[in-house]
Amino acid sequence: MGAYLNPGNKGFQEILQSEYVDKSGLIALVNKTVGTMEKLICISRPRRFGKSYAAKMLCAYYDCSCDSRVLFDDKEIARTEGYLTHLNQYHVVNLDITSFISDAEETGMPLSNVPNMITDAVYRELTESWPELAGKSLKDAMIGCVEKTGREFVFIIDEWDALIREAKSDAAVQKKYLNFLRGWFKNSSFTPKVVAAAYMTGILPIKKDGLQSAISDFVEYPILDPDGFAEFTGFTEDEVRRLCEKYEMNFEGARKWYNGYDFPEVGAIYNPYSVMLAMRKKRFDSYWQKTSAAESLMTYINMDFEGLQETIARLIAGEEIEIRTSRFANDFETFRSRDDVLTLLIHLGYITWHRENGTAHIPNEEVRMEFEEILEGTGANQKWIELISRSQKLLEDTIEGNADTVVRAIEEIRDTQYAPAFYNDEQALRYVIKFAYIAAIDQYLKVEELPSGKGVADVVYLPKPKSLLPAMVIELKWNKSSEGAIQQVKERNYPAVLKDYGSEVVIVGINYDAKKKEHSCIIERI
């Protein structure tokens, strides 16, 4: 066994010795592609979504230098067709590209040398196992190995795009690296003879060469469209529910903090890294790991493509926004529009994508907190700081019952670029109200269309645990009256659902008169 060639199953053994959620069904999907025209797979996922765990599992399953049957016989994969056909039947080349980048930086080598470092590492281990292959090129040696042993190679490459990210402004390094990968996976005299399958994972899909993938033979399953791999993107709701039962944790807490990555094929998907930490620590919190990619987000947001900052504020306010993802170049450098930056945020896991309607939103409490920290940290845009300050003052005036001041603040929001272009119905009014109260998200959970009493409350703000603020019910009217809004709240007993949130409830009735083009507001405490 080597570090890069046939690394064995120790990595997966260590995973099994900790809490393990069985995701071995992924292997069956890869098995179906072995030896077919779909045998080259590229999976792109945000950080902390189990990509490295999957790579270690695949190594243990395919590696011919070890016997892994005891590790898999009680797993889901053992109940699938082809389980034994492919178990420990291939040579495995396992590469973590970040380790080669680290080695280059430690030794003072340029990043352009990484492809040569990979070639040398695999060649060294190959010729140590089969000395008679020495003196040939790596490709010829691998062809000779297949002829000698009768076993083809499975390539498992983790963080494949790390060099694209690190050399984001160096086109020459990127080109050399992509050509290196083409030499393995788009080479008519090598690929068919040697490669049984390839499984690459990274944050980004394969970089585009114009409008096409730079390595066009790969079948890609990005976070935008994971297709059959959706179930293995993270933890499913049933898996999280079972973990919560085992660790005696509240499932609704897990849903609030880590849910939100939804796919039509499987439903809700949860962030596995954060879920497991929450179980072990017995505490729901943000376990987001700051990265260089995250630190650069403020730079992208400050580019302010086509009102990008206002769009980010809308996201934090809880809005869904439309995004065109098709033009993204799959790198950290080529941005031509607001949508390109937002598409990057989807790949990084900061917002979640709904393919069926082309919209995106912030998925959960953990990510929302990270968004706020980034935007409120050093270098945050002054417009954002002013917006939060104004919203905080509006919240204070609402709780204190200063209706006239609240009206003036809402009018100011209505007159800014944050407001909808067409202010012509109650939905437009609702959007302005949610945006005006954006500061409330720190201390409240916002719920729209909350069934309560004898009807449905428009917008309800539930105080978070340990908050001393009262609950708020906001009822909206269009071309009616704010008095009528307050009367509806009382007659239909909307505050009934808030009895567990303190002794006082602030009820706010807001109306917009389209003829007079003005808002009115009444605030009461009950």
Protein backbone atom coordinates (compact mmCIF):
# COMPACT_ATOMS: atom_id res chain seq x y z
CA MET A 1 0.00 0.00 0.00
CA GLY A 2 1.15 3.53 -0.75
CA ALA A 3 0.12 7.08 -0.03
CA TYR A 4 -1.23 7.67 -3.54
CA LEU A 5 -1.33 4.25 -5.22
CA ASN A 6 -3.51 1.61 -3.55
CA PRO A 7 -3.75 3.40 -0.18
CA GLY A 8 -5.82 0.64 1.44
CA ASN A 9 -8.83 0.98 3.72
CA LYS A 10 -7.43 2.48 6.92
CA GLY A 11 -9.02 5.87 6.25
CA PHE A 12 -12.48 4.33 6.02
CA GLN A 13 -11.84 2.14 9.06
CA GLU A 14 -11.23 5.29 11.10
CA ILE A 15 -14.50 6.79 9.86
CA LEU A 16 -16.40 3.65 10.91
CA GLN A 17 -14.94 3.86 14.41
CA SER A 18 -16.71 7.20 14.92
CA GLU A 19 -20.41 7.96 14.36
CA TYR A 20 -21.14 6.80 10.81
CA VAL A 21 -24.23 7.46 8.73
CA ASP A 22 -24.33 4.82 5.99
CA LYS A 23 -23.80 6.51 2.62
CA SER A 24 -22.40 3.42 0.89
CA GLY A 25 -25.28 3.51 -1.59
CA LEU A 26 -23.10 6.04 -3.42
CA ILE A 27 -20.83 3.16 -4.44
CA ALA A 28 -23.66 1.50 -6.35
CA LEU A 29 -24.06 4.62 -8.50
CA VAL A 30 -20.37 4.62 -9.31
CA ASN A 31 -20.41 0.86 -10.01
CA LYS A 32 -23.04 1.41 -12.70
CA THR A 33 -20.63 3.65 -14.59
CA VAL A 34 -17.55 1.42 -14.46
CA GLY A 35 -16.36 0.58 -17.97
CA THR A 36 -19.06 2.72 -19.62
CA MET A 37 -19.04 6.05 -21.42
CA GLU A 38 -20.24 7.64 -18.14
CA LYS A 39 -17.30 6.36 -16.09
CA LEU A 40 -15.82 9.83 -15.48
CA ILE A 41 -17.73 11.55 -12.66
CA CYS A 42 -17.20 15.00 -11.17
CA ILE A 43 -19.08 15.84 -7.96
CA SER A 44 -19.00 19.45 -6.72
CA ARG A 45 -20.26 20.33 -3.24
CA PRO A 46 -19.68 23.06 -0.64
CA ARG A 47 -17.09 22.50 2.06
CA ARG A 48 -18.16 20.44 5.07
CA PHE A 49 -20.48 18.22 3.03
CA GLY A 50 -18.60 14.91 3.34
CA LYS A 51 -16.63 14.87 0.09
CA SER A 52 -13.45 13.53 1.74
CA TYR A 53 -15.41 10.87 3.64
CA ALA A 54 -16.84 9.64 0.35
CA ALA A 55 -13.37 9.52 -1.22
CA LYS A 56 -12.02 7.36 1.63
CA MET A 57 -15.02 5.04 1.37
CA LEU A 58 -14.49 4.57 -2.37
CA CYS A 59 -10.78 3.88 -1.85
CA ALA A 60 -11.57 1.16 0.67
CA TYR A 61 -14.11 -0.43 -1.66
CA TYR A 62 -12.16 -0.51 -4.94
CA ASP A 63 -8.56 -0.95 -3.72
CA CYS A 64 -7.22 -4.39 -4.67
CA SER A 65 -4.41 -4.24 -2.10
CA CYS A 66 -6.76 -4.88 0.84
CA ASP A 67 -9.77 -6.97 1.83
CA SER A 68 -12.64 -4.68 2.78
CA ARG A 69 -15.52 -7.13 2.84
CA VAL A 70 -15.86 -6.97 6.62
CA LEU A 71 -16.24 -3.18 6.35
CA PHE A 72 -19.09 -3.31 3.82
CA ASP A 73 -20.99 -6.57 4.35
CA ASP A 74 -23.44 -4.90 6.76
CA LYS A 75 -23.79 -1.71 4.72
CA GLU A 76 -26.34 -0.69 2.10
CA ILE A 77 -23.95 -1.40 -0.79
CA ALA A 78 -23.87 -5.11 0.16
CA ARG A 79 -27.54 -5.39 -0.80
CA THR A 80 -27.00 -4.12 -4.34
CA GLU A 81 -26.26 -5.91 -7.58
CA GLY A 82 -22.57 -5.89 -8.46
CA TYR A 83 -21.37 -5.54 -4.85
CA LEU A 84 -18.86 -8.39 -5.01
CA THR A 85 -18.10 -7.89 -8.70
CA HIS A 86 -16.23 -4.66 -8.02
CA LEU A 87 -15.17 -5.08 -4.38
CA ASN A 88 -11.34 -4.75 -4.12
CA GLN A 89 -10.86 -5.43 -7.83
CA TYR A 90 -8.94 -2.35 -9.05
CA HIS A 91 -5.77 -0.40 -8.62
CA VAL A 92 -6.64 2.93 -7.02
CA VAL A 93 -4.94 6.28 -7.55
CA ASN A 94 -6.04 8.50 -4.68
CA LEU A 95 -5.05 12.17 -4.74
CA ASP A 96 -5.86 15.09 -2.46
CA ILE A 97 -4.76 18.08 -4.53
CA THR A 98 -4.56 20.36 -1.48
CA SER A 99 -1.73 18.23 -0.07
CA PHE A 100 0.37 18.80 -3.20
CA ILE A 101 -0.29 22.54 -3.03
CA SER A 102 0.85 22.55 0.61
CA ASP A 103 4.00 20.62 -0.29
CA ALA A 104 4.77 23.08 -3.09
CA GLU A 105 4.36 26.06 -0.78
CA GLU A 106 6.48 24.49 1.98
CA THR A 107 9.34 23.74 -0.42
CA GLY A 108 9.14 27.05 -2.26
CA MET A 109 8.06 25.50 -5.54
CA PRO A 110 5.73 27.41 -7.88
CA LEU A 111 2.16 26.15 -8.23
CA SER A 112 2.91 25.38 -11.87
CA ASN A 113 5.00 22.47 -10.58
CA VAL A 114 2.03 20.67 -8.96
CA PRO A 115 1.21 18.48 -12.02
CA ASN A 116 4.85 17.32 -12.10
CA MET A 117 4.73 16.60 -8.36
CA ILE A 118 1.63 14.44 -8.85
CA THR A 119 3.22 12.56 -11.74
CA ASP A 120 6.43 11.93 -9.77
CA ALA A 121 4.55 10.72 -6.67
CA VAL A 122 2.40 8.19 -8.55
CA TYR A 123 5.31 7.06 -10.73
CA ARG A 124 7.54 6.49 -7.70
CA GLU A 125 5.03 4.24 -5.95
CA LEU A 126 4.12 2.41 -9.15
CA THR A 127 7.72 1.52 -9.96
CA GLU A 128 8.43 0.58 -6.34
CA SER A 129 5.70 -2.08 -6.62
CA TRP A 130 6.68 -3.10 -10.17
CA PRO A 131 10.37 -2.26 -10.69
CA GLU A 132 10.29 -3.74 -14.19
CA LEU A 133 8.14 -0.75 -15.29
CA ALA A 134 10.86 1.79 -14.43
CA GLY A 135 12.26 3.81 -17.29
CA LYS A 136 8.93 4.29 -19.00
CA SER A 137 6.72 7.36 -18.85
CA LEU A 138 3.99 7.29 -16.19
CA LYS A 139 1.27 6.64 -18.76
CA ASP A 140 3.21 3.80 -20.39
CA ALA A 141 4.03 2.35 -16.96
CA MET A 142 0.34 2.38 -16.01
CA ILE A 143 -0.59 0.68 -19.29
CA GLY A 144 2.10 -1.91 -18.51
CA CYS A 145 0.68 -2.40 -15.01
CA VAL A 146 -2.79 -3.11 -16.43
CA GLU A 147 -1.35 -5.60 -18.91
CA LYS A 148 0.73 -7.29 -16.21
CA THR A 149 -1.93 -7.53 -13.47
CA GLY A 150 -5.14 -7.63 -15.48
CA ARG A 151 -6.56 -4.86 -13.27
CA GLU A 152 -7.57 -1.38 -14.44
CA PHE A 153 -7.33 1.80 -12.39
CA VAL A 154 -9.98 3.75 -10.48
CA PHE A 155 -8.97 7.39 -9.98
CA ILE A 156 -10.29 9.14 -6.86
CA ILE A 157 -9.32 12.82 -6.77
CA ASP A 158 -10.38 14.95 -3.80
CA GLU A 159 -10.39 18.78 -3.96
CA TRP A 160 -9.67 18.53 -7.67
CA ASP A 161 -10.31 22.29 -8.11
CA ALA A 162 -7.97 23.44 -5.33
CA LEU A 163 -5.31 24.49 -7.84
CA ILE A 164 -7.89 26.39 -9.90
CA ARG A 165 -8.87 28.26 -6.72
CA GLU A 166 -5.33 28.91 -5.49
CA ALA A 167 -4.08 30.05 -8.91
CA LYS A 168 -7.28 31.96 -9.62
CA SER A 169 -5.49 34.80 -11.41
CA ASP A 170 -2.82 32.69 -13.12
CA ALA A 171 -4.24 31.39 -16.40
CA ALA A 172 -0.98 29.63 -17.31
CA VAL A 173 -1.02 27.48 -14.15
CA GLN A 174 -4.68 26.62 -14.66
CA LYS A 175 -4.10 25.68 -18.29
CA LYS A 176 -1.15 23.42 -17.42
CA TYR A 177 -3.19 21.66 -14.73
CA LEU A 178 -6.23 21.16 -16.97
CA ASN A 179 -3.98 19.79 -19.73
CA PHE A 180 -2.51 17.39 -17.17
CA LEU A 181 -6.00 16.09 -16.33
CA ARG A 182 -6.88 15.84 -20.01
CA GLY A 183 -3.82 13.63 -20.46
CA TRP A 184 -5.37 11.10 -18.09
CA PHE A 185 -9.05 11.39 -18.89
CA LYS A 186 -9.27 12.58 -22.49
CA ASN A 187 -6.52 10.55 -24.14
CA SER A 188 -7.64 8.00 -26.70
CA SER A 189 -4.44 5.96 -26.38
CA PHE A 190 -4.50 5.88 -22.56
CA THR A 191 -7.95 6.41 -21.02
CA PRO A 192 -9.76 3.39 -22.56
CA LYS A 193 -6.90 1.03 -21.64
CA VAL A 194 -6.29 2.19 -18.07
CA VAL A 195 -9.27 4.02 -16.55
CA ALA A 196 -12.12 1.86 -15.24
CA ALA A 197 -13.69 4.86 -13.51
CA ALA A 198 -12.82 8.27 -12.11
CA TYR A 199 -14.47 10.11 -9.22
CA MET A 200 -13.43 13.74 -8.75
CA THR A 201 -14.78 16.01 -6.02
CA GLY A 202 -14.39 19.71 -5.43
CA ILE A 203 -16.23 22.89 -4.57
CA LEU A 204 -16.60 24.08 -8.15
CA PRO A 205 -17.64 22.28 -11.31
CA ILE A 206 -14.98 21.87 -13.98
CA LYS A 207 -13.77 25.22 -15.25
CA LYS A 208 -15.27 26.26 -18.54
CA ASP A 209 -13.28 26.70 -21.72
CA GLY A 210 -15.55 29.22 -23.38
CA LEU A 211 -19.06 27.80 -22.91
CA GLN A 212 -17.98 24.15 -22.54
CA SER A 213 -16.30 22.16 -19.79
CA ALA A 214 -12.51 22.16 -20.09
CA ILE A 215 -12.56 18.35 -19.65
CA SER A 216 -15.68 17.58 -21.61
CA ASP A 217 -15.78 13.80 -21.12
CA PHE A 218 -16.70 14.11 -17.42
CA VAL A 219 -20.33 13.76 -16.38
CA GLU A 220 -20.86 16.50 -13.82
CA TYR A 221 -23.20 16.48 -10.81
CA PRO A 222 -22.91 19.97 -9.28
CA ILE A 223 -24.85 21.30 -6.32
CA LEU A 224 -27.07 23.04 -8.88
CA ASP A 225 -28.23 19.68 -10.25
CA PRO A 226 -26.98 16.61 -8.33
CA ASP A 227 -29.45 14.30 -10.08
CA GLY A 228 -29.15 10.75 -8.71
CA PHE A 229 -26.41 11.81 -6.31
CA ALA A 230 -28.74 14.21 -4.43
CA GLU A 231 -29.28 11.72 -1.59
CA PHE A 232 -25.52 11.65 -0.97
CA THR A 233 -25.07 15.42 -0.96
CA GLY A 234 -25.59 15.52 2.82
CA PHE A 235 -27.78 13.98 5.52
CA THR A 236 -31.43 13.32 4.70
CA GLU A 237 -34.18 14.36 7.09
CA ASP A 238 -34.74 10.77 8.26
CA GLU A 239 -31.02 10.38 8.99
CA VAL A 240 -30.99 13.58 11.05
CA ARG A 241 -34.14 12.56 12.89
CA ARG A 242 -32.52 9.26 13.90
CA LEU A 243 -29.37 11.06 15.07
CA CYS A 244 -31.45 13.45 17.17
CA GLU A 245 -33.24 10.50 18.79
CA LYS A 246 -29.94 8.77 19.52
CA TYR A 247 -28.29 11.86 21.01
CA GLU A 248 -31.50 13.12 22.68
CA MET A 249 -31.46 16.37 20.72
CA ASN A 250 -34.46 18.37 19.55
CA PHE A 251 -35.15 17.66 15.87
CA GLU A 252 -36.85 21.01 15.26
CA GLY A 253 -33.66 22.70 16.46
CA ALA A 254 -31.63 20.73 13.95
CA ARG A 255 -34.10 21.62 11.21
CA LYS A 256 -33.86 25.35 11.99
CA TRP A 257 -30.07 25.42 12.13
CA TYR A 258 -28.90 23.01 9.43
CA ASN A 259 -31.76 22.25 7.03
CA GLY A 260 -32.38 24.11 3.81
CA TYR A 261 -30.55 22.38 0.99
CA ASP A 262 -33.58 20.92 -0.75
CA PHE A 263 -33.71 18.75 -3.87
CA PRO A 264 -36.91 17.56 -5.54
CA GLU A 265 -35.59 13.99 -5.75
CA VAL A 266 -35.00 13.50 -2.00
CA GLY A 267 -36.38 16.52 -0.13
CA ALA A 268 -34.44 18.21 2.65
CA ILE A 269 -30.67 17.79 2.89
CA TYR A 270 -28.72 18.84 6.01
CA ASN A 271 -25.12 19.93 6.45
CA PRO A 272 -23.48 16.74 7.84
CA TYR A 273 -20.43 18.40 9.39
CA SER A 274 -22.47 20.79 11.50
CA VAL A 275 -25.12 18.21 12.40
CA MET A 276 -22.50 15.84 13.81
CA LEU A 277 -20.78 18.60 15.80
CA ALA A 278 -24.12 19.68 17.23
CA MET A 279 -24.83 16.10 18.31
CA ARG A 280 -21.42 15.69 19.95
CA LYS A 281 -21.44 19.09 21.65
CA LYS A 282 -25.11 18.83 22.60
CA ARG A 283 -25.62 22.37 21.31
CA PHE A 284 -27.08 23.91 18.19
CA ASP A 285 -24.75 26.65 16.99
CA SER A 286 -22.88 27.85 13.94
CA TYR A 287 -19.99 25.50 13.19
CA TRP A 288 -19.20 27.11 9.86
CA GLN A 289 -15.49 26.93 9.16
CA LYS A 290 -14.08 30.18 7.80
CA THR A 291 -12.05 29.70 4.65
CA SER A 292 -10.15 31.83 2.19
CA ALA A 293 -13.17 31.57 -0.09
CA ALA A 294 -15.42 32.96 2.63
CA GLU A 295 -12.99 35.75 3.47
CA SER A 296 -13.04 36.89 -0.14
CA LEU A 297 -16.83 37.21 -0.24
CA MET A 298 -16.73 40.77 1.04
CA THR A 299 -14.53 41.66 -1.94
CA TYR A 300 -17.06 40.20 -4.36
CA ILE A 301 -20.02 41.83 -2.65
CA ASN A 302 -18.31 45.21 -2.68
CA MET A 303 -17.97 44.91 -6.46
CA ASP A 304 -21.70 45.69 -6.34
CA PHE A 305 -22.63 44.27 -9.71
CA GLU A 306 -26.13 45.43 -10.68
CA GLY A 307 -27.24 46.18 -7.12
CA LEU A 308 -25.62 43.07 -5.61
CA GLN A 309 -25.54 44.54 -2.10
CA GLU A 310 -29.26 45.19 -2.15
CA THR A 311 -29.78 41.60 -3.31
CA ILE A 312 -27.69 40.31 -0.39
CA ALA A 313 -29.78 42.41 1.99
CA ARG A 314 -32.93 40.94 0.46
CA LEU A 315 -31.57 37.44 1.04
CA ILE A 316 -30.82 38.19 4.69
CA ALA A 317 -34.33 39.60 5.05
CA GLY A 318 -35.62 36.17 4.06
CA GLU A 319 -36.44 36.78 0.41
CA GLU A 320 -36.11 34.33 -2.48
CA ILE A 321 -34.39 35.81 -5.51
CA GLU A 322 -34.13 34.76 -9.13
CA ILE A 323 -30.65 33.85 -10.42
CA ARG A 324 -29.36 32.88 -13.85
CA THR A 325 -26.63 30.33 -13.20
CA SER A 326 -25.75 29.22 -16.72
CA ARG A 327 -23.06 31.81 -17.49
CA PHE A 328 -20.88 31.20 -14.43
CA ALA A 329 -17.32 30.33 -15.55
CA ASN A 330 -16.72 27.95 -12.60
CA ASP A 331 -13.84 29.92 -11.10
CA PHE A 332 -13.17 32.61 -8.49
CA GLU A 333 -11.99 35.25 -10.90
CA THR A 334 -14.34 35.61 -13.89
CA PHE A 335 -17.36 37.68 -12.87
CA ARG A 336 -19.43 39.50 -15.43
CA SER A 337 -22.66 40.07 -13.55
CA ARG A 338 -24.48 39.95 -10.25
CA ASP A 339 -25.70 36.45 -11.11
CA ASP A 340 -22.12 35.14 -11.48
CA VAL A 341 -21.30 36.17 -7.90
CA LEU A 342 -24.55 34.73 -6.58
CA THR A 343 -23.92 31.46 -8.42
CA LEU A 344 -20.56 31.24 -6.66
CA LEU A 345 -22.39 31.66 -3.34
CA ILE A 346 -24.57 28.65 -4.25
CA HIS A 347 -21.48 26.52 -4.89
CA LEU A 348 -19.97 27.68 -1.59
CA GLY A 349 -23.14 26.75 0.30
CA TYR A 350 -24.09 30.28 1.33
CA ILE A 351 -27.39 30.16 -0.53
CA THR A 352 -29.45 27.21 -1.69
CA TRP A 353 -30.76 26.77 -5.21
CA HIS A 354 -34.22 25.69 -6.38
CA ARG A 355 -33.72 24.40 -9.88
CA GLU A 356 -37.43 24.04 -10.63
CA ASN A 357 -38.17 27.78 -10.33
CA GLY A 358 -34.71 29.30 -10.72
CA THR A 359 -34.64 30.95 -7.29
CA ALA A 360 -32.34 30.89 -4.28
CA HIS A 361 -32.43 31.86 -0.60
CA ILE A 362 -30.31 31.60 2.56
CA PRO A 363 -30.93 28.05 3.78
CA ASN A 364 -30.79 28.18 7.58
CA GLU A 365 -29.82 29.95 10.78
CA GLU A 366 -26.18 28.81 10.67
CA VAL A 367 -25.53 30.30 7.24
CA ARG A 368 -27.53 33.45 7.96
CA MET A 369 -25.34 34.15 11.01
CA GLU A 370 -22.21 33.70 8.92
CA PHE A 371 -23.59 36.07 6.28
CA GLU A 372 -24.20 38.72 8.91
CA GLU A 373 -20.72 38.33 10.40
CA ILE A 374 -19.13 38.75 6.98
CA LEU A 375 -21.20 41.79 6.10
CA GLU A 376 -20.84 43.45 9.51
CA GLY A 377 -17.13 42.73 9.84
CA THR A 378 -14.14 44.78 8.83
CA GLY A 379 -14.61 46.32 5.41
CA ALA A 380 -18.39 46.05 5.38
CA ASN A 381 -20.05 48.44 2.98
CA GLN A 382 -21.28 51.71 4.50
CA LYS A 383 -24.70 51.33 2.85
CA TRP A 384 -25.18 48.03 4.63
CA ILE A 385 -24.21 49.53 7.99
CA GLU A 386 -26.65 52.40 7.47
CA LEU A 387 -29.44 50.00 6.51
CA ILE A 388 -28.98 47.89 9.65
CA SER A 389 -28.82 51.02 11.83
CA ARG A 390 -32.03 52.41 10.32
CA SER A 391 -33.80 49.07 10.66
CA GLN A 392 -32.73 48.74 14.30
CA LYS A 393 -34.21 52.17 15.02
CA LEU A 394 -37.46 51.14 13.30
CA LEU A 395 -37.67 48.01 15.46
CA GLU A 396 -37.17 50.06 18.62
CA ASP A 397 -39.83 52.58 17.57
CA THR A 398 -42.27 49.76 16.79
CA ILE A 399 -41.83 48.15 20.21
CA GLU A 400 -42.20 51.57 21.88
CA GLY A 401 -45.37 52.27 19.90
CA ASN A 402 -44.11 55.28 17.92
CA ALA A 403 -46.47 54.81 14.98
CA ASP A 404 -45.71 58.11 13.22
CA THR A 405 -41.96 57.40 13.28
CA VAL A 406 -42.60 53.90 11.97
CA VAL A 407 -44.58 55.31 9.04
CA ARG A 408 -41.79 57.72 8.14
CA ALA A 409 -39.23 54.90 8.22
CA ILE A 410 -41.37 52.69 5.98
CA GLU A 411 -41.83 55.61 3.56
CA GLU A 412 -38.04 55.99 3.40
CA ILE A 413 -37.62 52.31 2.56
CA ARG A 414 -40.35 52.61 -0.06
CA ASP A 415 -38.47 55.43 -1.74
CA THR A 416 -35.16 53.56 -1.98
CA GLN A 417 -33.85 51.10 -4.57
CA TYR A 418 -34.65 48.30 -2.12
CA ALA A 419 -38.37 48.51 -2.86
CA PRO A 420 -40.13 46.56 -5.63
CA ALA A 421 -40.30 48.33 -8.97
CA PHE A 422 -44.08 47.81 -9.05
CA TYR A 423 -45.68 48.85 -5.77
CA ASN A 424 -49.19 47.78 -6.63
CA ASP A 425 -50.50 45.18 -4.20
CA GLU A 426 -50.26 43.80 -0.68
CA GLN A 427 -47.40 41.48 -1.65
CA ALA A 428 -45.28 44.50 -2.59
CA LEU A 429 -46.15 46.08 0.75
CA ARG A 430 -45.20 42.87 2.54
CA TYR A 431 -41.84 42.85 0.82
CA VAL A 432 -41.08 46.42 1.95
CA ILE A 433 -42.13 45.60 5.53
CA LYS A 434 -39.90 42.50 5.72
CA PHE A 435 -37.00 44.48 4.35
CA ALA A 436 -37.59 47.39 6.72
CA TYR A 437 -37.44 45.03 9.70
CA ILE A 438 -34.26 43.26 8.56
CA ALA A 439 -32.55 44.02 11.91
CA ALA A 440 -35.19 41.92 13.68
CA ILE A 441 -33.62 38.69 12.42
CA ASP A 442 -30.98 38.89 15.15
CA GLN A 443 -33.54 38.52 17.95
CA TYR A 444 -36.61 37.15 16.21
CA LEU A 445 -37.69 34.25 14.05
CA LYS A 446 -39.83 35.62 11.21
CA VAL A 447 -42.83 33.54 10.15
CA GLU A 448 -45.14 34.44 7.28
CA GLU A 449 -48.74 33.30 6.92
CA LEU A 450 -48.80 31.83 10.44
CA PRO A 451 -52.08 29.99 11.23
CA SER A 452 -53.36 31.51 14.45
CA GLY A 453 -56.72 31.88 16.13
CA LYS A 454 -59.40 32.01 13.43
CA GLY A 455 -57.17 33.00 10.52
CA VAL A 456 -53.68 33.49 9.19
CA ALA A 457 -51.43 36.29 10.43
CA ASP A 458 -49.48 38.10 7.69
CA VAL A 459 -46.04 38.43 9.33
CA VAL A 460 -45.20 37.27 12.86
CA TYR A 461 -41.91 37.83 14.69
CA LEU A 462 -41.28 35.25 17.41
CA PRO A 463 -38.61 36.23 19.98
CA LYS A 464 -35.68 33.85 20.09
CA PRO A 465 -34.83 32.05 23.35
CA LYS A 466 -33.44 34.39 26.04
CA SER A 467 -34.73 37.45 24.16
CA LEU A 468 -36.57 39.91 26.40
CA LEU A 469 -38.44 41.48 23.50
CA PRO A 470 -42.19 40.97 22.99
CA ALA A 471 -43.62 38.98 20.12
CA MET A 472 -44.93 41.03 17.19
CA VAL A 473 -47.86 40.49 14.82
CA ILE A 474 -47.89 42.68 11.71
CA GLU A 475 -51.12 42.77 9.70
CA LEU A 476 -51.06 44.44 6.29
CA LYS A 477 -53.82 46.10 4.28
CA TRP A 478 -53.96 47.65 0.82
CA ASN A 479 -56.43 50.49 0.18
CA LYS A 480 -58.26 49.76 3.41
CA SER A 481 -57.23 51.03 6.86
CA SER A 482 -54.71 50.39 9.59
CA GLU A 483 -57.63 50.41 12.06
CA GLY A 484 -59.16 47.55 10.11
CA ALA A 485 -55.90 45.63 10.29
CA ILE A 486 -55.82 45.96 14.11
CA GLN A 487 -59.47 44.99 14.36
CA GLN A 488 -58.85 41.84 12.29
CA VAL A 489 -55.96 40.81 14.56
CA LYS A 490 -58.24 41.11 17.61
CA GLU A 491 -61.37 39.55 16.12
CA ARG A 492 -59.52 36.55 14.76
CA ASN A 493 -57.40 36.23 17.89
CA TYR A 494 -54.07 36.00 16.07
CA PRO A 495 -52.05 36.44 19.29
CA ALA A 496 -53.45 33.14 20.63
CA VAL A 497 -50.59 31.19 19.08
CA LEU A 498 -48.07 33.43 20.88
CA LYS A 499 -49.11 32.62 24.45
CA ASP A 500 -45.78 30.86 25.08
CA TYR A 501 -43.72 33.88 24.00
CA GLY A 502 -44.29 36.21 26.94
CA SER A 503 -47.08 38.21 28.52
CA GLU A 504 -47.15 41.00 25.93
CA VAL A 505 -47.67 41.01 22.19
CA VAL A 506 -47.15 44.05 19.99
CA ILE A 507 -49.72 44.21 17.20
CA VAL A 508 -49.02 46.45 14.23
CA GLY A 509 -51.58 47.40 11.60
CA ILE A 510 -50.15 48.93 8.41
CA ASN A 511 -52.16 50.14 5.42
CA TYR A 512 -51.13 51.69 2.12
CA ASP A 513 -53.49 54.09 0.39
CA ALA A 514 -52.64 53.88 -3.31
CA LYS A 515 -54.57 57.07 -4.19
CA LYS A 516 -52.89 59.19 -1.54
CA LYS A 517 -49.63 57.26 -1.97
CA GLU A 518 -49.08 57.09 1.77
CA HIS A 519 -48.86 54.57 4.58
CA SER A 520 -50.67 54.62 7.90
CA CYS A 521 -49.86 52.67 11.04
CA ILE A 522 -51.43 51.82 14.40
CA ILE A 523 -49.52 49.99 17.15
CA GLU A 524 -51.05 48.43 20.26
CA ARG A 525 -49.88 46.13 23.04
CA ILE A 526 -52.13 43.35 24.27
